[in-house]
C-alpha atoms as a PDB file:
ATOM      1  CA  MET A   1      -2.681  17.375  -0.402  1.00  0.00           C
ATOM      2  CA  GLU A   2       0.967  18.104   0.236  1.00  0.00           C
ATOM      3  CA  ILE A   3       2.691  14.793   0.768  1.00  0.00           C
ATOM      4  CA  GLY A   4       5.926  15.888   2.482  1.00  0.00           C
ATOM      5  CA  SER A   5       4.686  17.045   5.870  1.00  0.00           C
ATOM      6  CA  ASN A   6       2.285  14.083   6.054  1.00  0.00           C
ATOM      7  CA  TRP A   7       4.661  11.296   4.981  1.00  0.00           C
ATOM      8  CA  GLU A   8       5.289   9.842   8.447  1.00  0.00           C
ATOM      9  CA  THR A   9       1.550   9.652   9.175  1.00  0.00           C
ATOM     10  CA  ILE A  10       0.977   8.051   5.771  1.00  0.00           C
ATOM     11  CA  ARG A  11       3.656   5.467   6.512  1.00  0.00           C
ATOM     12  CA  GLN A  12       2.052   4.721   9.898  1.00  0.00           C
ATOM     13  CA  VAL A  13      -1.320   4.103   8.235  1.00  0.00           C
ATOM     14  CA  PHE A  14       0.383   1.786   5.735  1.00  0.00           C
ATOM     15  CA  GLU A  15       2.125  -0.145   8.536  1.00  0.00           C
ATOM     16  CA  GLU A  16      -1.147  -0.648  10.410  1.00  0.00           C
ATOM     17  CA  ALA A  17      -2.924  -1.674   7.200  1.00  0.00           C
ATOM     18  CA  GLN A  18      -0.181  -4.196   6.429  1.00  0.00           C
ATOM     19  CA  LYS A  19      -0.481  -5.704   9.907  1.00  0.00           C
ATOM     20  CA  SER A  20      -4.268  -5.885   9.834  1.00  0.00           C
ATOM     21  CA  CYS A  21      -5.027  -7.154   6.346  1.00  0.00           C
ATOM     22  CA  PHE A  22      -1.704  -8.117   4.696  1.00  0.00           C
ATOM     23  CA  HIS A  23      -2.275  -6.164   1.481  1.00  0.00           C
ATOM     24  CA  PHE A  24      -3.084  -2.867  -0.186  1.00  0.00           C
ATOM     25  CA  ALA A  25      -5.445  -2.256  -3.090  1.00  0.00           C
ATOM     26  CA  VAL A  26      -3.485  -0.967  -6.077  1.00  0.00           C
ATOM     27  CA  ALA A  27      -5.564   0.557  -8.853  1.00  0.00           C
ATOM     28  CA  THR A  28      -4.384   0.954 -12.431  1.00  0.00           C
ATOM     29  CA  ILE A  29      -6.166   1.824 -15.672  1.00  0.00           C
ATOM     30  CA  ARG A  30      -6.721  -0.731 -18.437  1.00  0.00           C
ATOM     31  CA  PRO A  31      -6.037   0.350 -22.040  1.00  0.00           C
ATOM     32  CA  ASP A  32      -9.814   0.626 -22.626  1.00  0.00           C
ATOM     33  CA  GLY A  33     -10.073   3.141 -19.750  1.00  0.00           C
ATOM     34  CA  THR A  34     -11.696   0.893 -17.159  1.00  0.00           C
ATOM     35  CA  PRO A  35     -10.172   0.765 -13.694  1.00  0.00           C
ATOM     36  CA  ASP A  36      -8.487  -2.382 -12.428  1.00  0.00           C
ATOM     37  CA  ALA A  37      -7.541  -3.109  -8.813  1.00  0.00           C
ATOM     38  CA  ALA A  38      -5.201  -5.771  -7.490  1.00  0.00           C
ATOM     39  CA  PRO A  39      -4.191  -6.758  -3.963  1.00  0.00           C
ATOM     40  CA  ILE A  40      -0.469  -6.189  -3.434  1.00  0.00           C
ATOM     41  CA  GLY A  41       1.025  -7.226  -0.114  1.00  0.00           C
ATOM     42  CA  SER A  42       4.677  -6.532  -0.722  1.00  0.00           C
ATOM     43  CA  LEU A  43       4.613  -2.746  -1.033  1.00  0.00           C
ATOM     44  CA  ILE A  44       7.229  -1.106   1.171  1.00  0.00           C
ATOM     45  CA  LEU A  45       7.410   2.676   1.552  1.00  0.00           C
ATOM     46  CA  ARG A  46      10.781   4.383   1.758  1.00  0.00           C
ATOM     47  CA  ASP A  47      11.671   7.666   3.503  1.00  0.00           C
ATOM     48  CA  ASP A  48      11.742   9.718   0.283  1.00  0.00           C
ATOM     49  CA  PHE A  49       8.083   9.561  -0.916  1.00  0.00           C
ATOM     50  CA  THR A  50       8.813   6.433  -2.936  1.00  0.00           C
ATOM     51  CA  GLY A  51       8.210   2.759  -2.481  1.00  0.00           C
ATOM     52  CA  TYR A  52       8.582  -0.527  -4.255  1.00  0.00           C
ATOM     53  CA  TYR A  53       6.704  -3.772  -4.480  1.00  0.00           C
ATOM     54  CA  LEU A  54       7.765  -7.223  -5.504  1.00  0.00           C
ATOM     55  CA  GLU A  55       5.948  -8.193  -8.662  1.00  0.00           C
ATOM     56  CA  GLU A  56       5.531 -11.810  -9.694  1.00  0.00           C
ATOM     57  CA  PHE A  57       1.821 -12.423 -10.256  1.00  0.00           C
ATOM     58  CA  PRO A  58      -0.253  -9.372 -11.298  1.00  0.00           C
ATOM     59  CA  ALA A  59      -0.217  -9.860 -15.100  1.00  0.00           C
ATOM     60  CA  HIS A  60      -3.122  -7.444 -15.739  1.00  0.00           C
ATOM     61  CA  MET A  61      -1.428  -4.790 -13.660  1.00  0.00           C
ATOM     62  CA  ALA A  62       1.872  -5.090 -15.552  1.00  0.00           C
ATOM     63  CA  ALA A  63       0.035  -4.725 -18.876  1.00  0.00           C
ATOM     64  CA  ASN A  64      -1.920  -1.731 -17.577  1.00  0.00           C
ATOM     65  CA  LEU A  65       1.249   0.010 -16.395  1.00  0.00           C
ATOM     66  CA  LYS A  66       2.764  -0.250 -19.879  1.00  0.00           C
ATOM     67  CA  HIS A  67      -0.231   1.744 -21.132  1.00  0.00           C
ATOM     68  CA  ASN A  68      -0.484   4.188 -18.209  1.00  0.00           C
ATOM     69  CA  PRO A  69       2.026   4.175 -15.317  1.00  0.00           C
ATOM     70  CA  ARG A  70      -0.239   6.066 -12.873  1.00  0.00           C
ATOM     71  CA  VAL A  71      -1.398   4.193  -9.761  1.00  0.00           C
ATOM     72  CA  CYS A  72      -3.568   4.748  -6.725  1.00  0.00           C
ATOM     73  CA  VAL A  73      -2.777   2.712  -3.624  1.00  0.00           C
ATOM     74  CA  LEU A  74      -5.404   2.386  -0.893  1.00  0.00           C
ATOM     75  CA  ALA A  75      -4.294   1.379   2.597  1.00  0.00           C
ATOM     76  CA  VAL A  76      -6.970   0.573   5.190  1.00  0.00           C
ATOM     77  CA  ASN A  77      -6.352  -0.289   8.819  1.00  0.00           C
ATOM     78  CA  ALA A  78      -8.757  -3.222   9.157  1.00  0.00           C
ATOM     79  CA  ASP A  79      -7.933  -4.109  12.765  1.00  0.00           C
ATOM     80  CA  LYS A  80     -11.189  -5.035  14.487  1.00  0.00           C
ATOM     81  CA  LEU A  81     -10.108  -3.750  17.920  1.00  0.00           C
ATOM     82  CA  TYR A  82      -9.060  -0.401  16.441  1.00  0.00           C
ATOM     83  CA  TRP A  83     -12.411  -0.071  14.647  1.00  0.00           C
ATOM     84  CA  GLY A  84     -14.385  -1.225  17.690  1.00  0.00           C
ATOM     85  CA  LYS A  85     -12.685   1.305  19.961  1.00  0.00           C
ATOM     86  CA  SER A  86     -13.120   4.053  17.357  1.00  0.00           C
ATOM     87  CA  LEU A  87     -16.807   3.262  16.942  1.00  0.00           C
ATOM     88  CA  MET A  88     -17.366   3.216  20.703  1.00  0.00           C
ATOM     89  CA  GLU A  89     -15.602   6.583  21.149  1.00  0.00           C
ATOM     90  CA  GLY A  90     -17.012   8.144  17.978  1.00  0.00           C
ATOM     91  CA  ILE A  91     -13.584   9.237  16.751  1.00  0.00           C
ATOM     92  CA  PHE A  92     -10.514   7.694  15.158  1.00  0.00           C
ATOM     93  CA  SER A  93      -7.284   8.161  17.123  1.00  0.00           C
ATOM     94  CA  MET A  94      -5.259   7.846  13.923  1.00  0.00           C
ATOM     95  CA  PRO A  95      -6.308   7.870  10.271  1.00  0.00           C
ATOM     96  CA  PRO A  96      -8.171   4.702   9.282  1.00  0.00           C
ATOM     97  CA  ALA A  97      -7.180   4.840   5.618  1.00  0.00           C
ATOM     98  CA  VAL A  98      -5.318   6.836   2.996  1.00  0.00           C
ATOM     99  CA  ARG A  99      -4.903   6.893  -0.775  1.00  0.00           C
ATOM    100  CA  LEU A 100      -1.479   7.486  -2.323  1.00  0.00           C
ATOM    101  CA  TYR A 101      -1.125   8.570  -5.953  1.00  0.00           C
ATOM    102  CA  GLY A 102       2.000   8.032  -7.970  1.00  0.00           C
ATOM    103  CA  THR A 103       3.802   6.784 -11.036  1.00  0.00           C
ATOM    104  CA  ALA A 104       5.156   3.265 -11.350  1.00  0.00           C
ATOM    105  CA  GLY A 105       8.536   2.610 -12.906  1.00  0.00           C
ATOM    106  CA  GLU A 106       9.712  -0.212 -15.118  1.00  0.00           C
ATOM    107  CA  LEU A 107       9.873  -3.799 -13.886  1.00  0.00           C
ATOM    108  CA  ARG A 108      13.410  -4.600 -12.746  1.00  0.00           C
ATOM    109  CA  LYS A 109      15.422  -7.231 -10.925  1.00  0.00           C
ATOM    110  CA  ALA A 110      14.813  -6.902  -7.191  1.00  0.00           C
ATOM    111  CA  ALA A 111      17.772  -6.102  -4.974  1.00  0.00           C
ATOM    112  CA  LYS A 112      18.603  -8.752  -2.391  1.00  0.00           C
ATOM    113  CA  ALA A 113      17.941  -6.244   0.424  1.00  0.00           C
ATOM    114  CA  GLU A 114      14.470  -5.497  -0.982  1.00  0.00           C
ATOM    115  CA  VAL A 115      13.523  -9.167  -1.059  1.00  0.00           C
ATOM    116  CA  GLU A 116      14.921  -9.649   2.445  1.00  0.00           C
ATOM    117  CA  ALA A 117      12.959  -6.657   3.779  1.00  0.00           C
ATOM    118  CA  TRP A 118       9.735  -8.179   2.457  1.00  0.00           C
ATOM    119  CA  GLN A 119      10.568 -11.667   3.711  1.00  0.00           C
ATOM    120  CA  LYS A 120      11.236 -10.207   7.161  1.00  0.00           C
ATOM    121  CA  LYS A 121       7.710  -8.724   7.176  1.00  0.00           C
ATOM    122  CA  VAL A 122       6.175 -12.133   6.442  1.00  0.00           C
ATOM    123  CA  ALA A 123       8.636 -14.262   8.413  1.00  0.00           C
ATOM    124  CA  LEU A 124       5.920 -15.704  10.663  1.00  0.00           C
ATOM    125  CA  ALA A 125       4.471 -17.459   7.613  1.00  0.00           C
ATOM    126  CA  SER A 126       7.830 -18.763   6.350  1.00  0.00           C
ATOM    127  CA  LYS A 127       7.092 -22.391   7.251  1.00  0.00           C
ATOM    128  CA  THR A 128       3.773 -22.474   5.417  1.00  0.00           C
ATOM    129  CA  ARG A 129       2.989 -23.875   2.001  1.00  0.00           C
ATOM    130  CA  GLY A 130       1.469 -20.531   0.941  1.00  0.00           C
ATOM    131  CA  TYR A 131       4.693 -18.679   1.773  1.00  0.00           C
ATOM    132  CA  LYS A 132       6.667 -21.060  -0.397  1.00  0.00           C
ATOM    133  CA  ILE A 133       4.207 -20.627  -3.280  1.00  0.00           C
ATOM    134  CA  MET A 134       3.818 -16.845  -3.092  1.00  0.00           C
ATOM    135  CA  TRP A 135       6.864 -15.293  -1.468  1.00  0.00           C
ATOM    136  CA  GLU A 136       9.876 -17.588  -1.298  1.00  0.00           C
ATOM    137  CA  ASN A 137      11.158 -16.849  -4.809  1.00  0.00           C
ATOM    138  CA  MET A 138      10.308 -13.199  -5.390  1.00  0.00           C
ATOM    139  CA  SER A 139      12.780 -11.773  -7.877  1.00  0.00           C
ATOM    140  CA  HIS A 140      11.319  -8.701  -9.602  1.00  0.00           C
ATOM    141  CA  ALA A 141      10.398  -5.286  -8.264  1.00  0.00           C
ATOM    142  CA  ARG A 142       8.776  -2.106  -9.453  1.00  0.00           C
ATOM    143  CA  ASP A 143       9.386   1.333  -7.930  1.00  0.00           C
ATOM    144  CA  ILE A 144       6.618   3.860  -7.377  1.00  0.00           C
ATOM    145  CA  THR A 145       7.215   7.591  -6.942  1.00  0.00           C
ATOM    146  CA  PHE A 146       4.365   9.145  -4.996  1.00  0.00           C
ATOM    147  CA  ASP A 147       3.370  12.747  -5.668  1.00  0.00           C
ATOM    148  CA  SER A 148       0.136  13.261  -3.748  1.00  0.00           C
ATOM    149  CA  PHE A 149      -2.260  11.677  -1.320  1.00  0.00           C
ATOM    150  CA  GLU A 150      -5.878  11.891  -0.290  1.00  0.00           C
ATOM    151  CA  PRO A 151      -7.099  11.054   3.201  1.00  0.00           C
ATOM    152  CA  VAL A 152     -10.146   8.862   3.566  1.00  0.00           C
ATOM    153  CA  VAL A 153     -12.579  11.148   5.366  1.00  0.00           C
ATOM    154  CA  ILE A 154     -15.367   9.685   7.492  1.00  0.00           C
ATOM    155  CA  GLY A 155     -17.229  12.745   8.692  1.00  0.00           C
ATOM    156  CA  GLU A 156     -16.828  13.742  12.306  1.00  0.00           C
ATOM    157  CA  MET A 157     -14.914  10.555  13.100  1.00  0.00           C
ATOM    158  CA  THR A 158     -11.885  11.836  11.165  1.00  0.00           C
ATOM    159  CA  ALA A 159     -12.434  15.592  11.641  1.00  0.00           C
ATOM    160  CA  GLU A 160      -9.441  16.019  13.974  1.00  0.00           C
ATOM    161  CA  LEU A 161      -7.016  14.179  11.679  1.00  0.00           C
ATOM    162  CA  TRP A 162      -4.871  15.464   8.797  1.00  0.00           C
ATOM    163  CA  GLY A 163      -4.935  19.005  10.115  1.00  0.00           C
ATOM    164  CA  GLY A 164      -8.697  19.132  10.590  1.00  0.00           C
ATOM    165  CA  ILE A 165      -9.931  18.230   7.103  1.00  0.00           C
END
């Protein structure tokens, strides 16, 4: 589907997914052709159909991207109240999930503003041991340029969304 006219809705789904489950599933392809998925929490979407994520841990993913830079990112709003209300009403008020397709760039040094933007998103956890282990010293980033998306369609419950798909 055409990404431009849907970008703000896509970003809203990503924001809700980030709040509800702290990560996105990022799929890459291994050199032998098998799919590989990794949870990435630090993905931030920009206004121009691009995004970046801070990359410190996903070794398999980095190796896969050298072979094939294409990615699929799945964002799912996992908020229990949102799902409960949607199930009770039989319709989703906003899209529950979306897949973004794109091409990842080379690993690079993260800009200070990029690290700060991520740390702001996880500031509530800043006093925890896990924050210090996972997020305190993020230093590398990878850009993704998105070129298409695919809504997650759940029959009648999503029929009114994305222009009536």
